[in-house]
C-alpha cells in the first residue's frame, strides 16, 4: 500500500473565523454518510465539532442531548440521500433518540460525545447495508475491496481474484448490478476521496494525484474536471479557508 497516506494531515481548525460551521461542511458530512464512508464522515463531524455548539438549553447536558437529537434527524436525512427508505432511516432515528432521552440525566458530556460517534456509525452502517444488500456476494466483495484500497493499484486481475470469478464474468456482473463499469466506479470513488483531501489538507495537488495512482497531475486534473465540472485547484479555492499549495 502506498505509504504517503500517513503524511496527509488536516488543516488547522477554522473556529477562529466563525461560531457556526460553514454550510459546506454539513454538505460534506451528508455526502460521506450517503456514501457509507465512516472514516471520512467521522473526520467531517470532528471538524464541525471544532466550532462552538449552539446552546439549546440552560443545562449543558440537556443542551448537548438536544443537539444530538437534532443530529439524529440530520443523519436520517443524509441516509435517505444515500438511498435508504425513509421509514428505515426515521425508525433508526427514533431508536437513537429514545436512547438519548432514556440515558441518565447525570450522564457526563464526554459520554454523550461518544454517543454522537455511535449515532454516526449506526447511520453509516444502515446506508452500507442497504446499498450492498442488493448486490451479489462477488460484487459486494469487490466494492468493499475497492473502497478500502483506493490508493493502491487496482486492476481487473486482482479484483477478479477477490471475487473468485474470471475477469470477463466479474466485469459483466459488476456492470449489470451497479450500472457502471469497474473502472468508472474506481475513478468516481478516487475523485470523491480526493475531494476530501483537497478540502482538509494543504498537500500539493501533485501529491494527491500520485497518492490515488493517477499517471500525472494533468491526468488527475482532467478526470477530476470531467466528473466535478471544475479543476482540483478551482475546487479547493471554492471551499474558502484553505489556500492551495502552489
Protein backbone atom coordinates (compact mmCIF):
# COMPACT_ATOMS: atom_id res chain seq x y z
CA UNK A 1 0.00 0.00 0.00
CA UNK A 2 1.22 3.49 -0.78
CA UNK A 3 2.56 4.92 2.47
CA UNK A 4 2.04 8.55 1.55
CA UNK A 5 -1.46 8.46 3.06
CA UNK A 6 0.04 8.68 6.53
CA UNK A 7 1.60 12.01 5.59
CA UNK A 8 -1.67 13.78 4.90
CA UNK A 9 -2.61 15.98 7.84
CA UNK A 10 -5.75 18.07 8.35
CA UNK A 11 -5.53 21.82 8.26
CA UNK A 12 -5.93 23.84 11.40
CA UNK A 13 -9.38 24.47 12.79
CA UNK A 14 -11.33 27.40 11.36
CA UNK A 15 -13.18 28.06 14.61
CA UNK A 16 -11.36 31.35 14.98
CA UNK A 17 -13.29 32.61 11.96
CA UNK A 18 -16.86 31.76 12.92
CA UNK A 19 -19.02 30.33 15.69
CA UNK A 20 -21.07 28.01 13.50
CA UNK A 21 -19.53 25.65 10.95
CA UNK A 22 -19.79 26.67 7.30
CA UNK A 23 -22.59 25.10 5.34
CA UNK A 24 -20.23 23.25 3.00
CA UNK A 25 -19.08 21.11 5.96
CA UNK A 26 -22.65 19.95 6.55
CA UNK A 27 -22.98 19.14 2.86
CA UNK A 28 -19.72 17.22 3.06
CA UNK A 29 -20.90 15.21 6.07
CA UNK A 30 -24.15 14.45 4.27
CA UNK A 31 -22.22 13.16 1.26
CA UNK A 32 -19.99 10.89 3.33
CA UNK A 33 -22.91 9.42 5.23
CA UNK A 34 -24.84 8.96 1.99
CA UNK A 35 -21.83 7.14 0.53
CA UNK A 36 -21.37 4.98 3.63
CA UNK A 37 -17.85 6.33 4.25
CA UNK A 38 -17.35 6.14 8.02
CA UNK A 39 -13.76 7.34 8.24
CA UNK A 40 -14.40 10.47 6.21
CA UNK A 41 -17.77 11.09 7.86
CA UNK A 42 -16.15 10.93 11.30
CA UNK A 43 -13.41 13.33 10.24
CA UNK A 44 -16.02 15.77 8.89
CA UNK A 45 -18.01 15.53 12.12
CA UNK A 46 -14.90 16.16 14.20
CA UNK A 47 -14.13 19.24 12.15
CA UNK A 48 -17.71 20.50 12.55
CA UNK A 49 -17.33 20.00 16.30
CA UNK A 50 -14.32 22.31 16.45
CA UNK A 51 -16.93 25.06 16.24
CA UNK A 52 -18.94 26.08 19.29
CA UNK A 53 -22.22 24.18 19.57
CA UNK A 54 -25.46 26.08 19.75
CA UNK A 55 -26.85 26.46 23.26
CA UNK A 56 -30.17 24.61 23.25
CA UNK A 57 -30.85 24.55 27.00
CA UNK A 58 -29.56 26.16 30.20
CA UNK A 59 -28.20 22.84 31.46
CA UNK A 60 -25.09 21.80 29.46
CA UNK A 61 -26.02 18.10 29.44
CA UNK A 62 -29.59 18.86 28.37
CA UNK A 63 -28.26 21.20 25.70
CA UNK A 64 -25.96 18.51 24.31
CA UNK A 65 -28.79 15.96 24.37
CA UNK A 66 -30.93 18.35 22.34
CA UNK A 67 -28.05 18.80 19.90
CA UNK A 68 -27.71 15.03 19.48
CA UNK A 69 -31.43 14.73 18.84
CA UNK A 70 -31.10 17.32 16.08
CA UNK A 71 -28.16 15.31 14.71
CA UNK A 72 -30.34 12.20 14.52
CA UNK A 73 -32.77 13.98 12.22
CA UNK A 74 -29.91 15.36 10.12
CA UNK A 75 -28.22 11.95 9.83
CA UNK A 76 -31.52 10.27 8.97
CA UNK A 77 -31.96 12.64 6.03
CA UNK A 78 -28.35 12.03 4.96
CA UNK A 79 -29.07 8.29 4.97
CA UNK A 80 -32.18 8.87 2.86
CA UNK A 81 -30.00 10.80 0.41
CA UNK A 82 -27.90 7.64 0.25
CA UNK A 83 -30.88 5.58 -0.88
CA UNK A 84 -32.18 4.28 2.44
CA UNK A 85 -36.01 4.17 2.50
CA UNK A 86 -37.36 6.98 4.73
CA UNK A 87 -39.23 4.60 7.04
CA UNK A 88 -35.99 2.73 7.80
CA UNK A 89 -33.97 5.91 8.34
CA UNK A 90 -36.53 7.56 10.59
CA UNK A 91 -37.12 4.36 12.57
CA UNK A 92 -33.39 4.28 13.29
CA UNK A 93 -33.55 7.95 14.26
CA UNK A 94 -36.42 7.26 16.68
CA UNK A 95 -34.47 4.40 18.27
CA UNK A 96 -31.41 6.56 18.83
CA UNK A 97 -33.42 9.50 20.17
CA UNK A 98 -35.00 7.18 22.75
CA UNK A 99 -31.53 6.08 23.84
CA UNK A 100 -30.59 9.74 24.34
CA UNK A 101 -33.74 10.52 26.29
CA UNK A 102 -33.58 7.42 28.46
CA UNK A 103 -29.95 7.96 29.40
CA UNK A 104 -29.16 9.11 32.92
CA UNK A 105 -29.62 12.86 33.29
CA UNK A 106 -26.27 12.91 35.12
CA UNK A 107 -24.51 11.37 32.09
CA UNK A 108 -21.39 13.42 31.53
CA UNK A 109 -20.60 15.41 28.40
CA UNK A 110 -17.77 13.10 27.31
CA UNK A 111 -20.06 10.08 27.26
CA UNK A 112 -22.65 11.99 25.29
CA UNK A 113 -20.00 12.99 22.74
CA UNK A 114 -19.06 9.32 22.38
CA UNK A 115 -22.73 8.60 21.82
CA UNK A 116 -22.67 11.05 18.92
CA UNK A 117 -19.96 8.95 17.23
CA UNK A 118 -22.06 5.83 17.81
CA UNK A 119 -25.02 7.56 16.14
CA UNK A 120 -22.90 8.32 13.12
CA UNK A 121 -21.67 4.73 12.92
CA UNK A 122 -25.25 3.44 13.13
CA UNK A 123 -26.45 5.54 10.20
CA UNK A 124 -23.39 4.77 8.07
CA UNK A 125 -23.99 1.06 8.73
CA UNK A 126 -27.64 1.42 7.66
CA UNK A 127 -26.52 3.03 4.40
CA UNK A 128 -23.86 0.41 3.72
CA UNK A 129 -26.18 -2.48 4.49
CA UNK A 130 -28.92 -1.09 2.27
CA UNK A 131 -26.62 -0.26 -0.62
CA UNK A 132 -24.84 -3.61 -0.68
CA UNK A 133 -27.78 -5.89 0.10
CA UNK A 134 -28.99 -5.74 -3.48
CA UNK A 135 -25.64 -6.91 -4.86
CA UNK A 136 -24.37 -10.45 -5.18
CA UNK A 137 -21.54 -11.54 -2.89
CA UNK A 138 -18.81 -11.27 -5.56
CA UNK A 139 -19.81 -7.69 -6.35
CA UNK A 140 -20.09 -6.79 -2.65
CA UNK A 141 -16.63 -8.22 -2.01
CA UNK A 142 -15.13 -6.25 -4.88
CA UNK A 143 -16.82 -3.00 -3.83
CA UNK A 144 -15.56 -3.45 -0.26
CA UNK A 145 -12.03 -4.11 -1.50
CA UNK A 146 -12.04 -1.13 -3.86
CA UNK A 147 -13.37 1.26 -1.20
CA UNK A 148 -10.68 0.17 1.24
CA UNK A 149 -7.76 0.28 -1.19
CA UNK A 150 -8.30 3.34 -3.38
CA UNK A 151 -4.67 4.40 -3.07
CA UNK A 152 -3.39 1.01 -4.28
CA UNK A 153 -3.03 -0.10 -7.87
CA UNK A 154 -6.38 -1.67 -8.72
CA UNK A 155 -6.63 -3.88 -11.78
CA UNK A 156 -9.15 -6.37 -13.07
CA UNK A 157 -6.93 -9.37 -12.37
CA UNK A 158 -6.66 -8.52 -8.66
CA UNK A 159 -10.37 -7.79 -8.36
CA UNK A 160 -11.28 -10.99 -10.20
CA UNK A 161 -9.19 -12.91 -7.70
CA UNK A 162 -11.02 -11.19 -4.83
CA UNK A 163 -14.38 -12.12 -6.35
CA UNK A 164 -13.47 -15.72 -7.12
CA UNK A 165 -14.52 -15.36 -10.76
CA UNK A 166 -12.74 -14.76 -14.03
CA UNK A 167 -12.27 -11.15 -15.20
CA UNK A 168 -14.82 -11.26 -18.00
CA UNK A 169 -17.55 -12.64 -15.77
CA UNK A 170 -16.77 -10.16 -13.00
CA UNK A 171 -16.89 -7.23 -15.45
CA UNK A 172 -20.24 -8.41 -16.74
CA UNK A 173 -21.98 -8.90 -13.38
CA UNK A 174 -20.49 -5.75 -11.88
CA UNK A 175 -21.87 -3.59 -14.66
CA UNK A 176 -25.20 -5.40 -14.64
CA UNK A 177 -25.70 -4.93 -10.89
CA UNK A 178 -24.22 -1.46 -10.34
CA UNK A 179 -24.95 0.16 -13.68
CA UNK A 180 -21.34 1.23 -14.20
CA UNK A 181 -18.16 -0.49 -15.30
CA UNK A 182 -15.47 -1.27 -12.73
CA UNK A 183 -13.02 1.34 -13.99
CA UNK A 184 -15.64 4.11 -13.81
CA UNK A 185 -16.60 3.06 -10.29
CA UNK A 186 -12.96 3.17 -9.17
CA UNK A 187 -12.47 6.57 -10.79
CA UNK A 188 -15.56 8.08 -9.16
CA UNK A 189 -14.55 6.80 -5.72
CA UNK A 190 -11.00 8.12 -6.10
CA UNK A 191 -12.29 11.54 -7.09
CA UNK A 192 -14.62 11.56 -4.06
CA UNK A 193 -11.70 10.72 -1.79
CA UNK A 194 -9.51 13.31 -3.47
CA UNK A 195 -12.15 15.98 -2.81
CA UNK A 196 -11.80 15.21 0.88
CA UNK A 197 -8.04 15.74 0.80
CA UNK A 198 -8.40 18.92 -1.23
CA UNK A 199 -10.76 20.23 1.42
CA UNK A 200 -8.95 19.14 4.57
CA UNK A 201 -5.27 19.31 3.70
CA UNK A 202 -2.80 21.69 2.15
CA UNK A 203 -0.94 18.89 0.39
CA UNK A 204 0.08 19.67 -3.19
CA UNK A 205 -2.31 18.55 -5.88
CA UNK A 206 0.53 16.60 -7.49
CA UNK A 207 0.90 14.51 -4.31
CA UNK A 208 -2.82 13.83 -4.16
CA UNK A 209 -2.74 12.75 -7.80
CA UNK A 210 0.15 10.39 -7.13
CA UNK A 211 -1.50 9.03 -3.97
CA UNK A 212 -4.53 7.91 -5.96
CA UNK A 213 -2.47 6.28 -8.70
CA UNK A 214 -3.02 8.89 -11.42
CA UNK A 215 -0.27 8.88 -14.02
CA UNK A 216 0.28 12.63 -13.65
CA UNK A 217 -1.20 15.78 -12.18
CA UNK A 218 -2.63 16.70 -15.58
CA UNK A 219 -4.35 13.33 -15.85
CA UNK A 220 -5.84 13.82 -12.38
CA UNK A 221 -6.96 17.34 -13.26
CA UNK A 222 -8.59 16.14 -16.47
CA UNK A 223 -10.55 13.35 -14.79
CA UNK A 224 -11.47 15.49 -11.79
CA UNK A 225 -12.85 18.22 -14.05
CA UNK A 226 -14.80 15.71 -16.11
CA UNK A 227 -16.57 14.36 -13.04
CA UNK A 228 -16.99 17.53 -10.95
CA UNK A 229 -17.10 20.26 -13.59
CA UNK A 230 -14.10 22.10 -12.14
CA UNK A 231 -10.39 21.57 -11.72
CA UNK A 232 -8.92 20.46 -8.36
CA UNK A 233 -7.42 23.93 -7.87
CA UNK A 234 -10.73 25.69 -8.50
CA UNK A 235 -12.49 23.21 -6.21
CA UNK A 236 -10.01 23.84 -3.41
CA UNK A 237 -10.30 27.63 -3.78
CA UNK A 238 -14.10 27.44 -3.81
CA UNK A 239 -14.13 25.97 -0.31
CA UNK A 240 -12.62 29.00 1.36
CA UNK A 241 -10.18 28.96 4.23
CA UNK A 242 -7.77 26.52 2.62
CA UNK A 243 -5.07 28.02 0.48
CA UNK A 244 -3.87 25.94 -2.44
CA UNK A 245 -0.23 24.86 -2.45
CA UNK A 246 1.48 26.32 -5.49
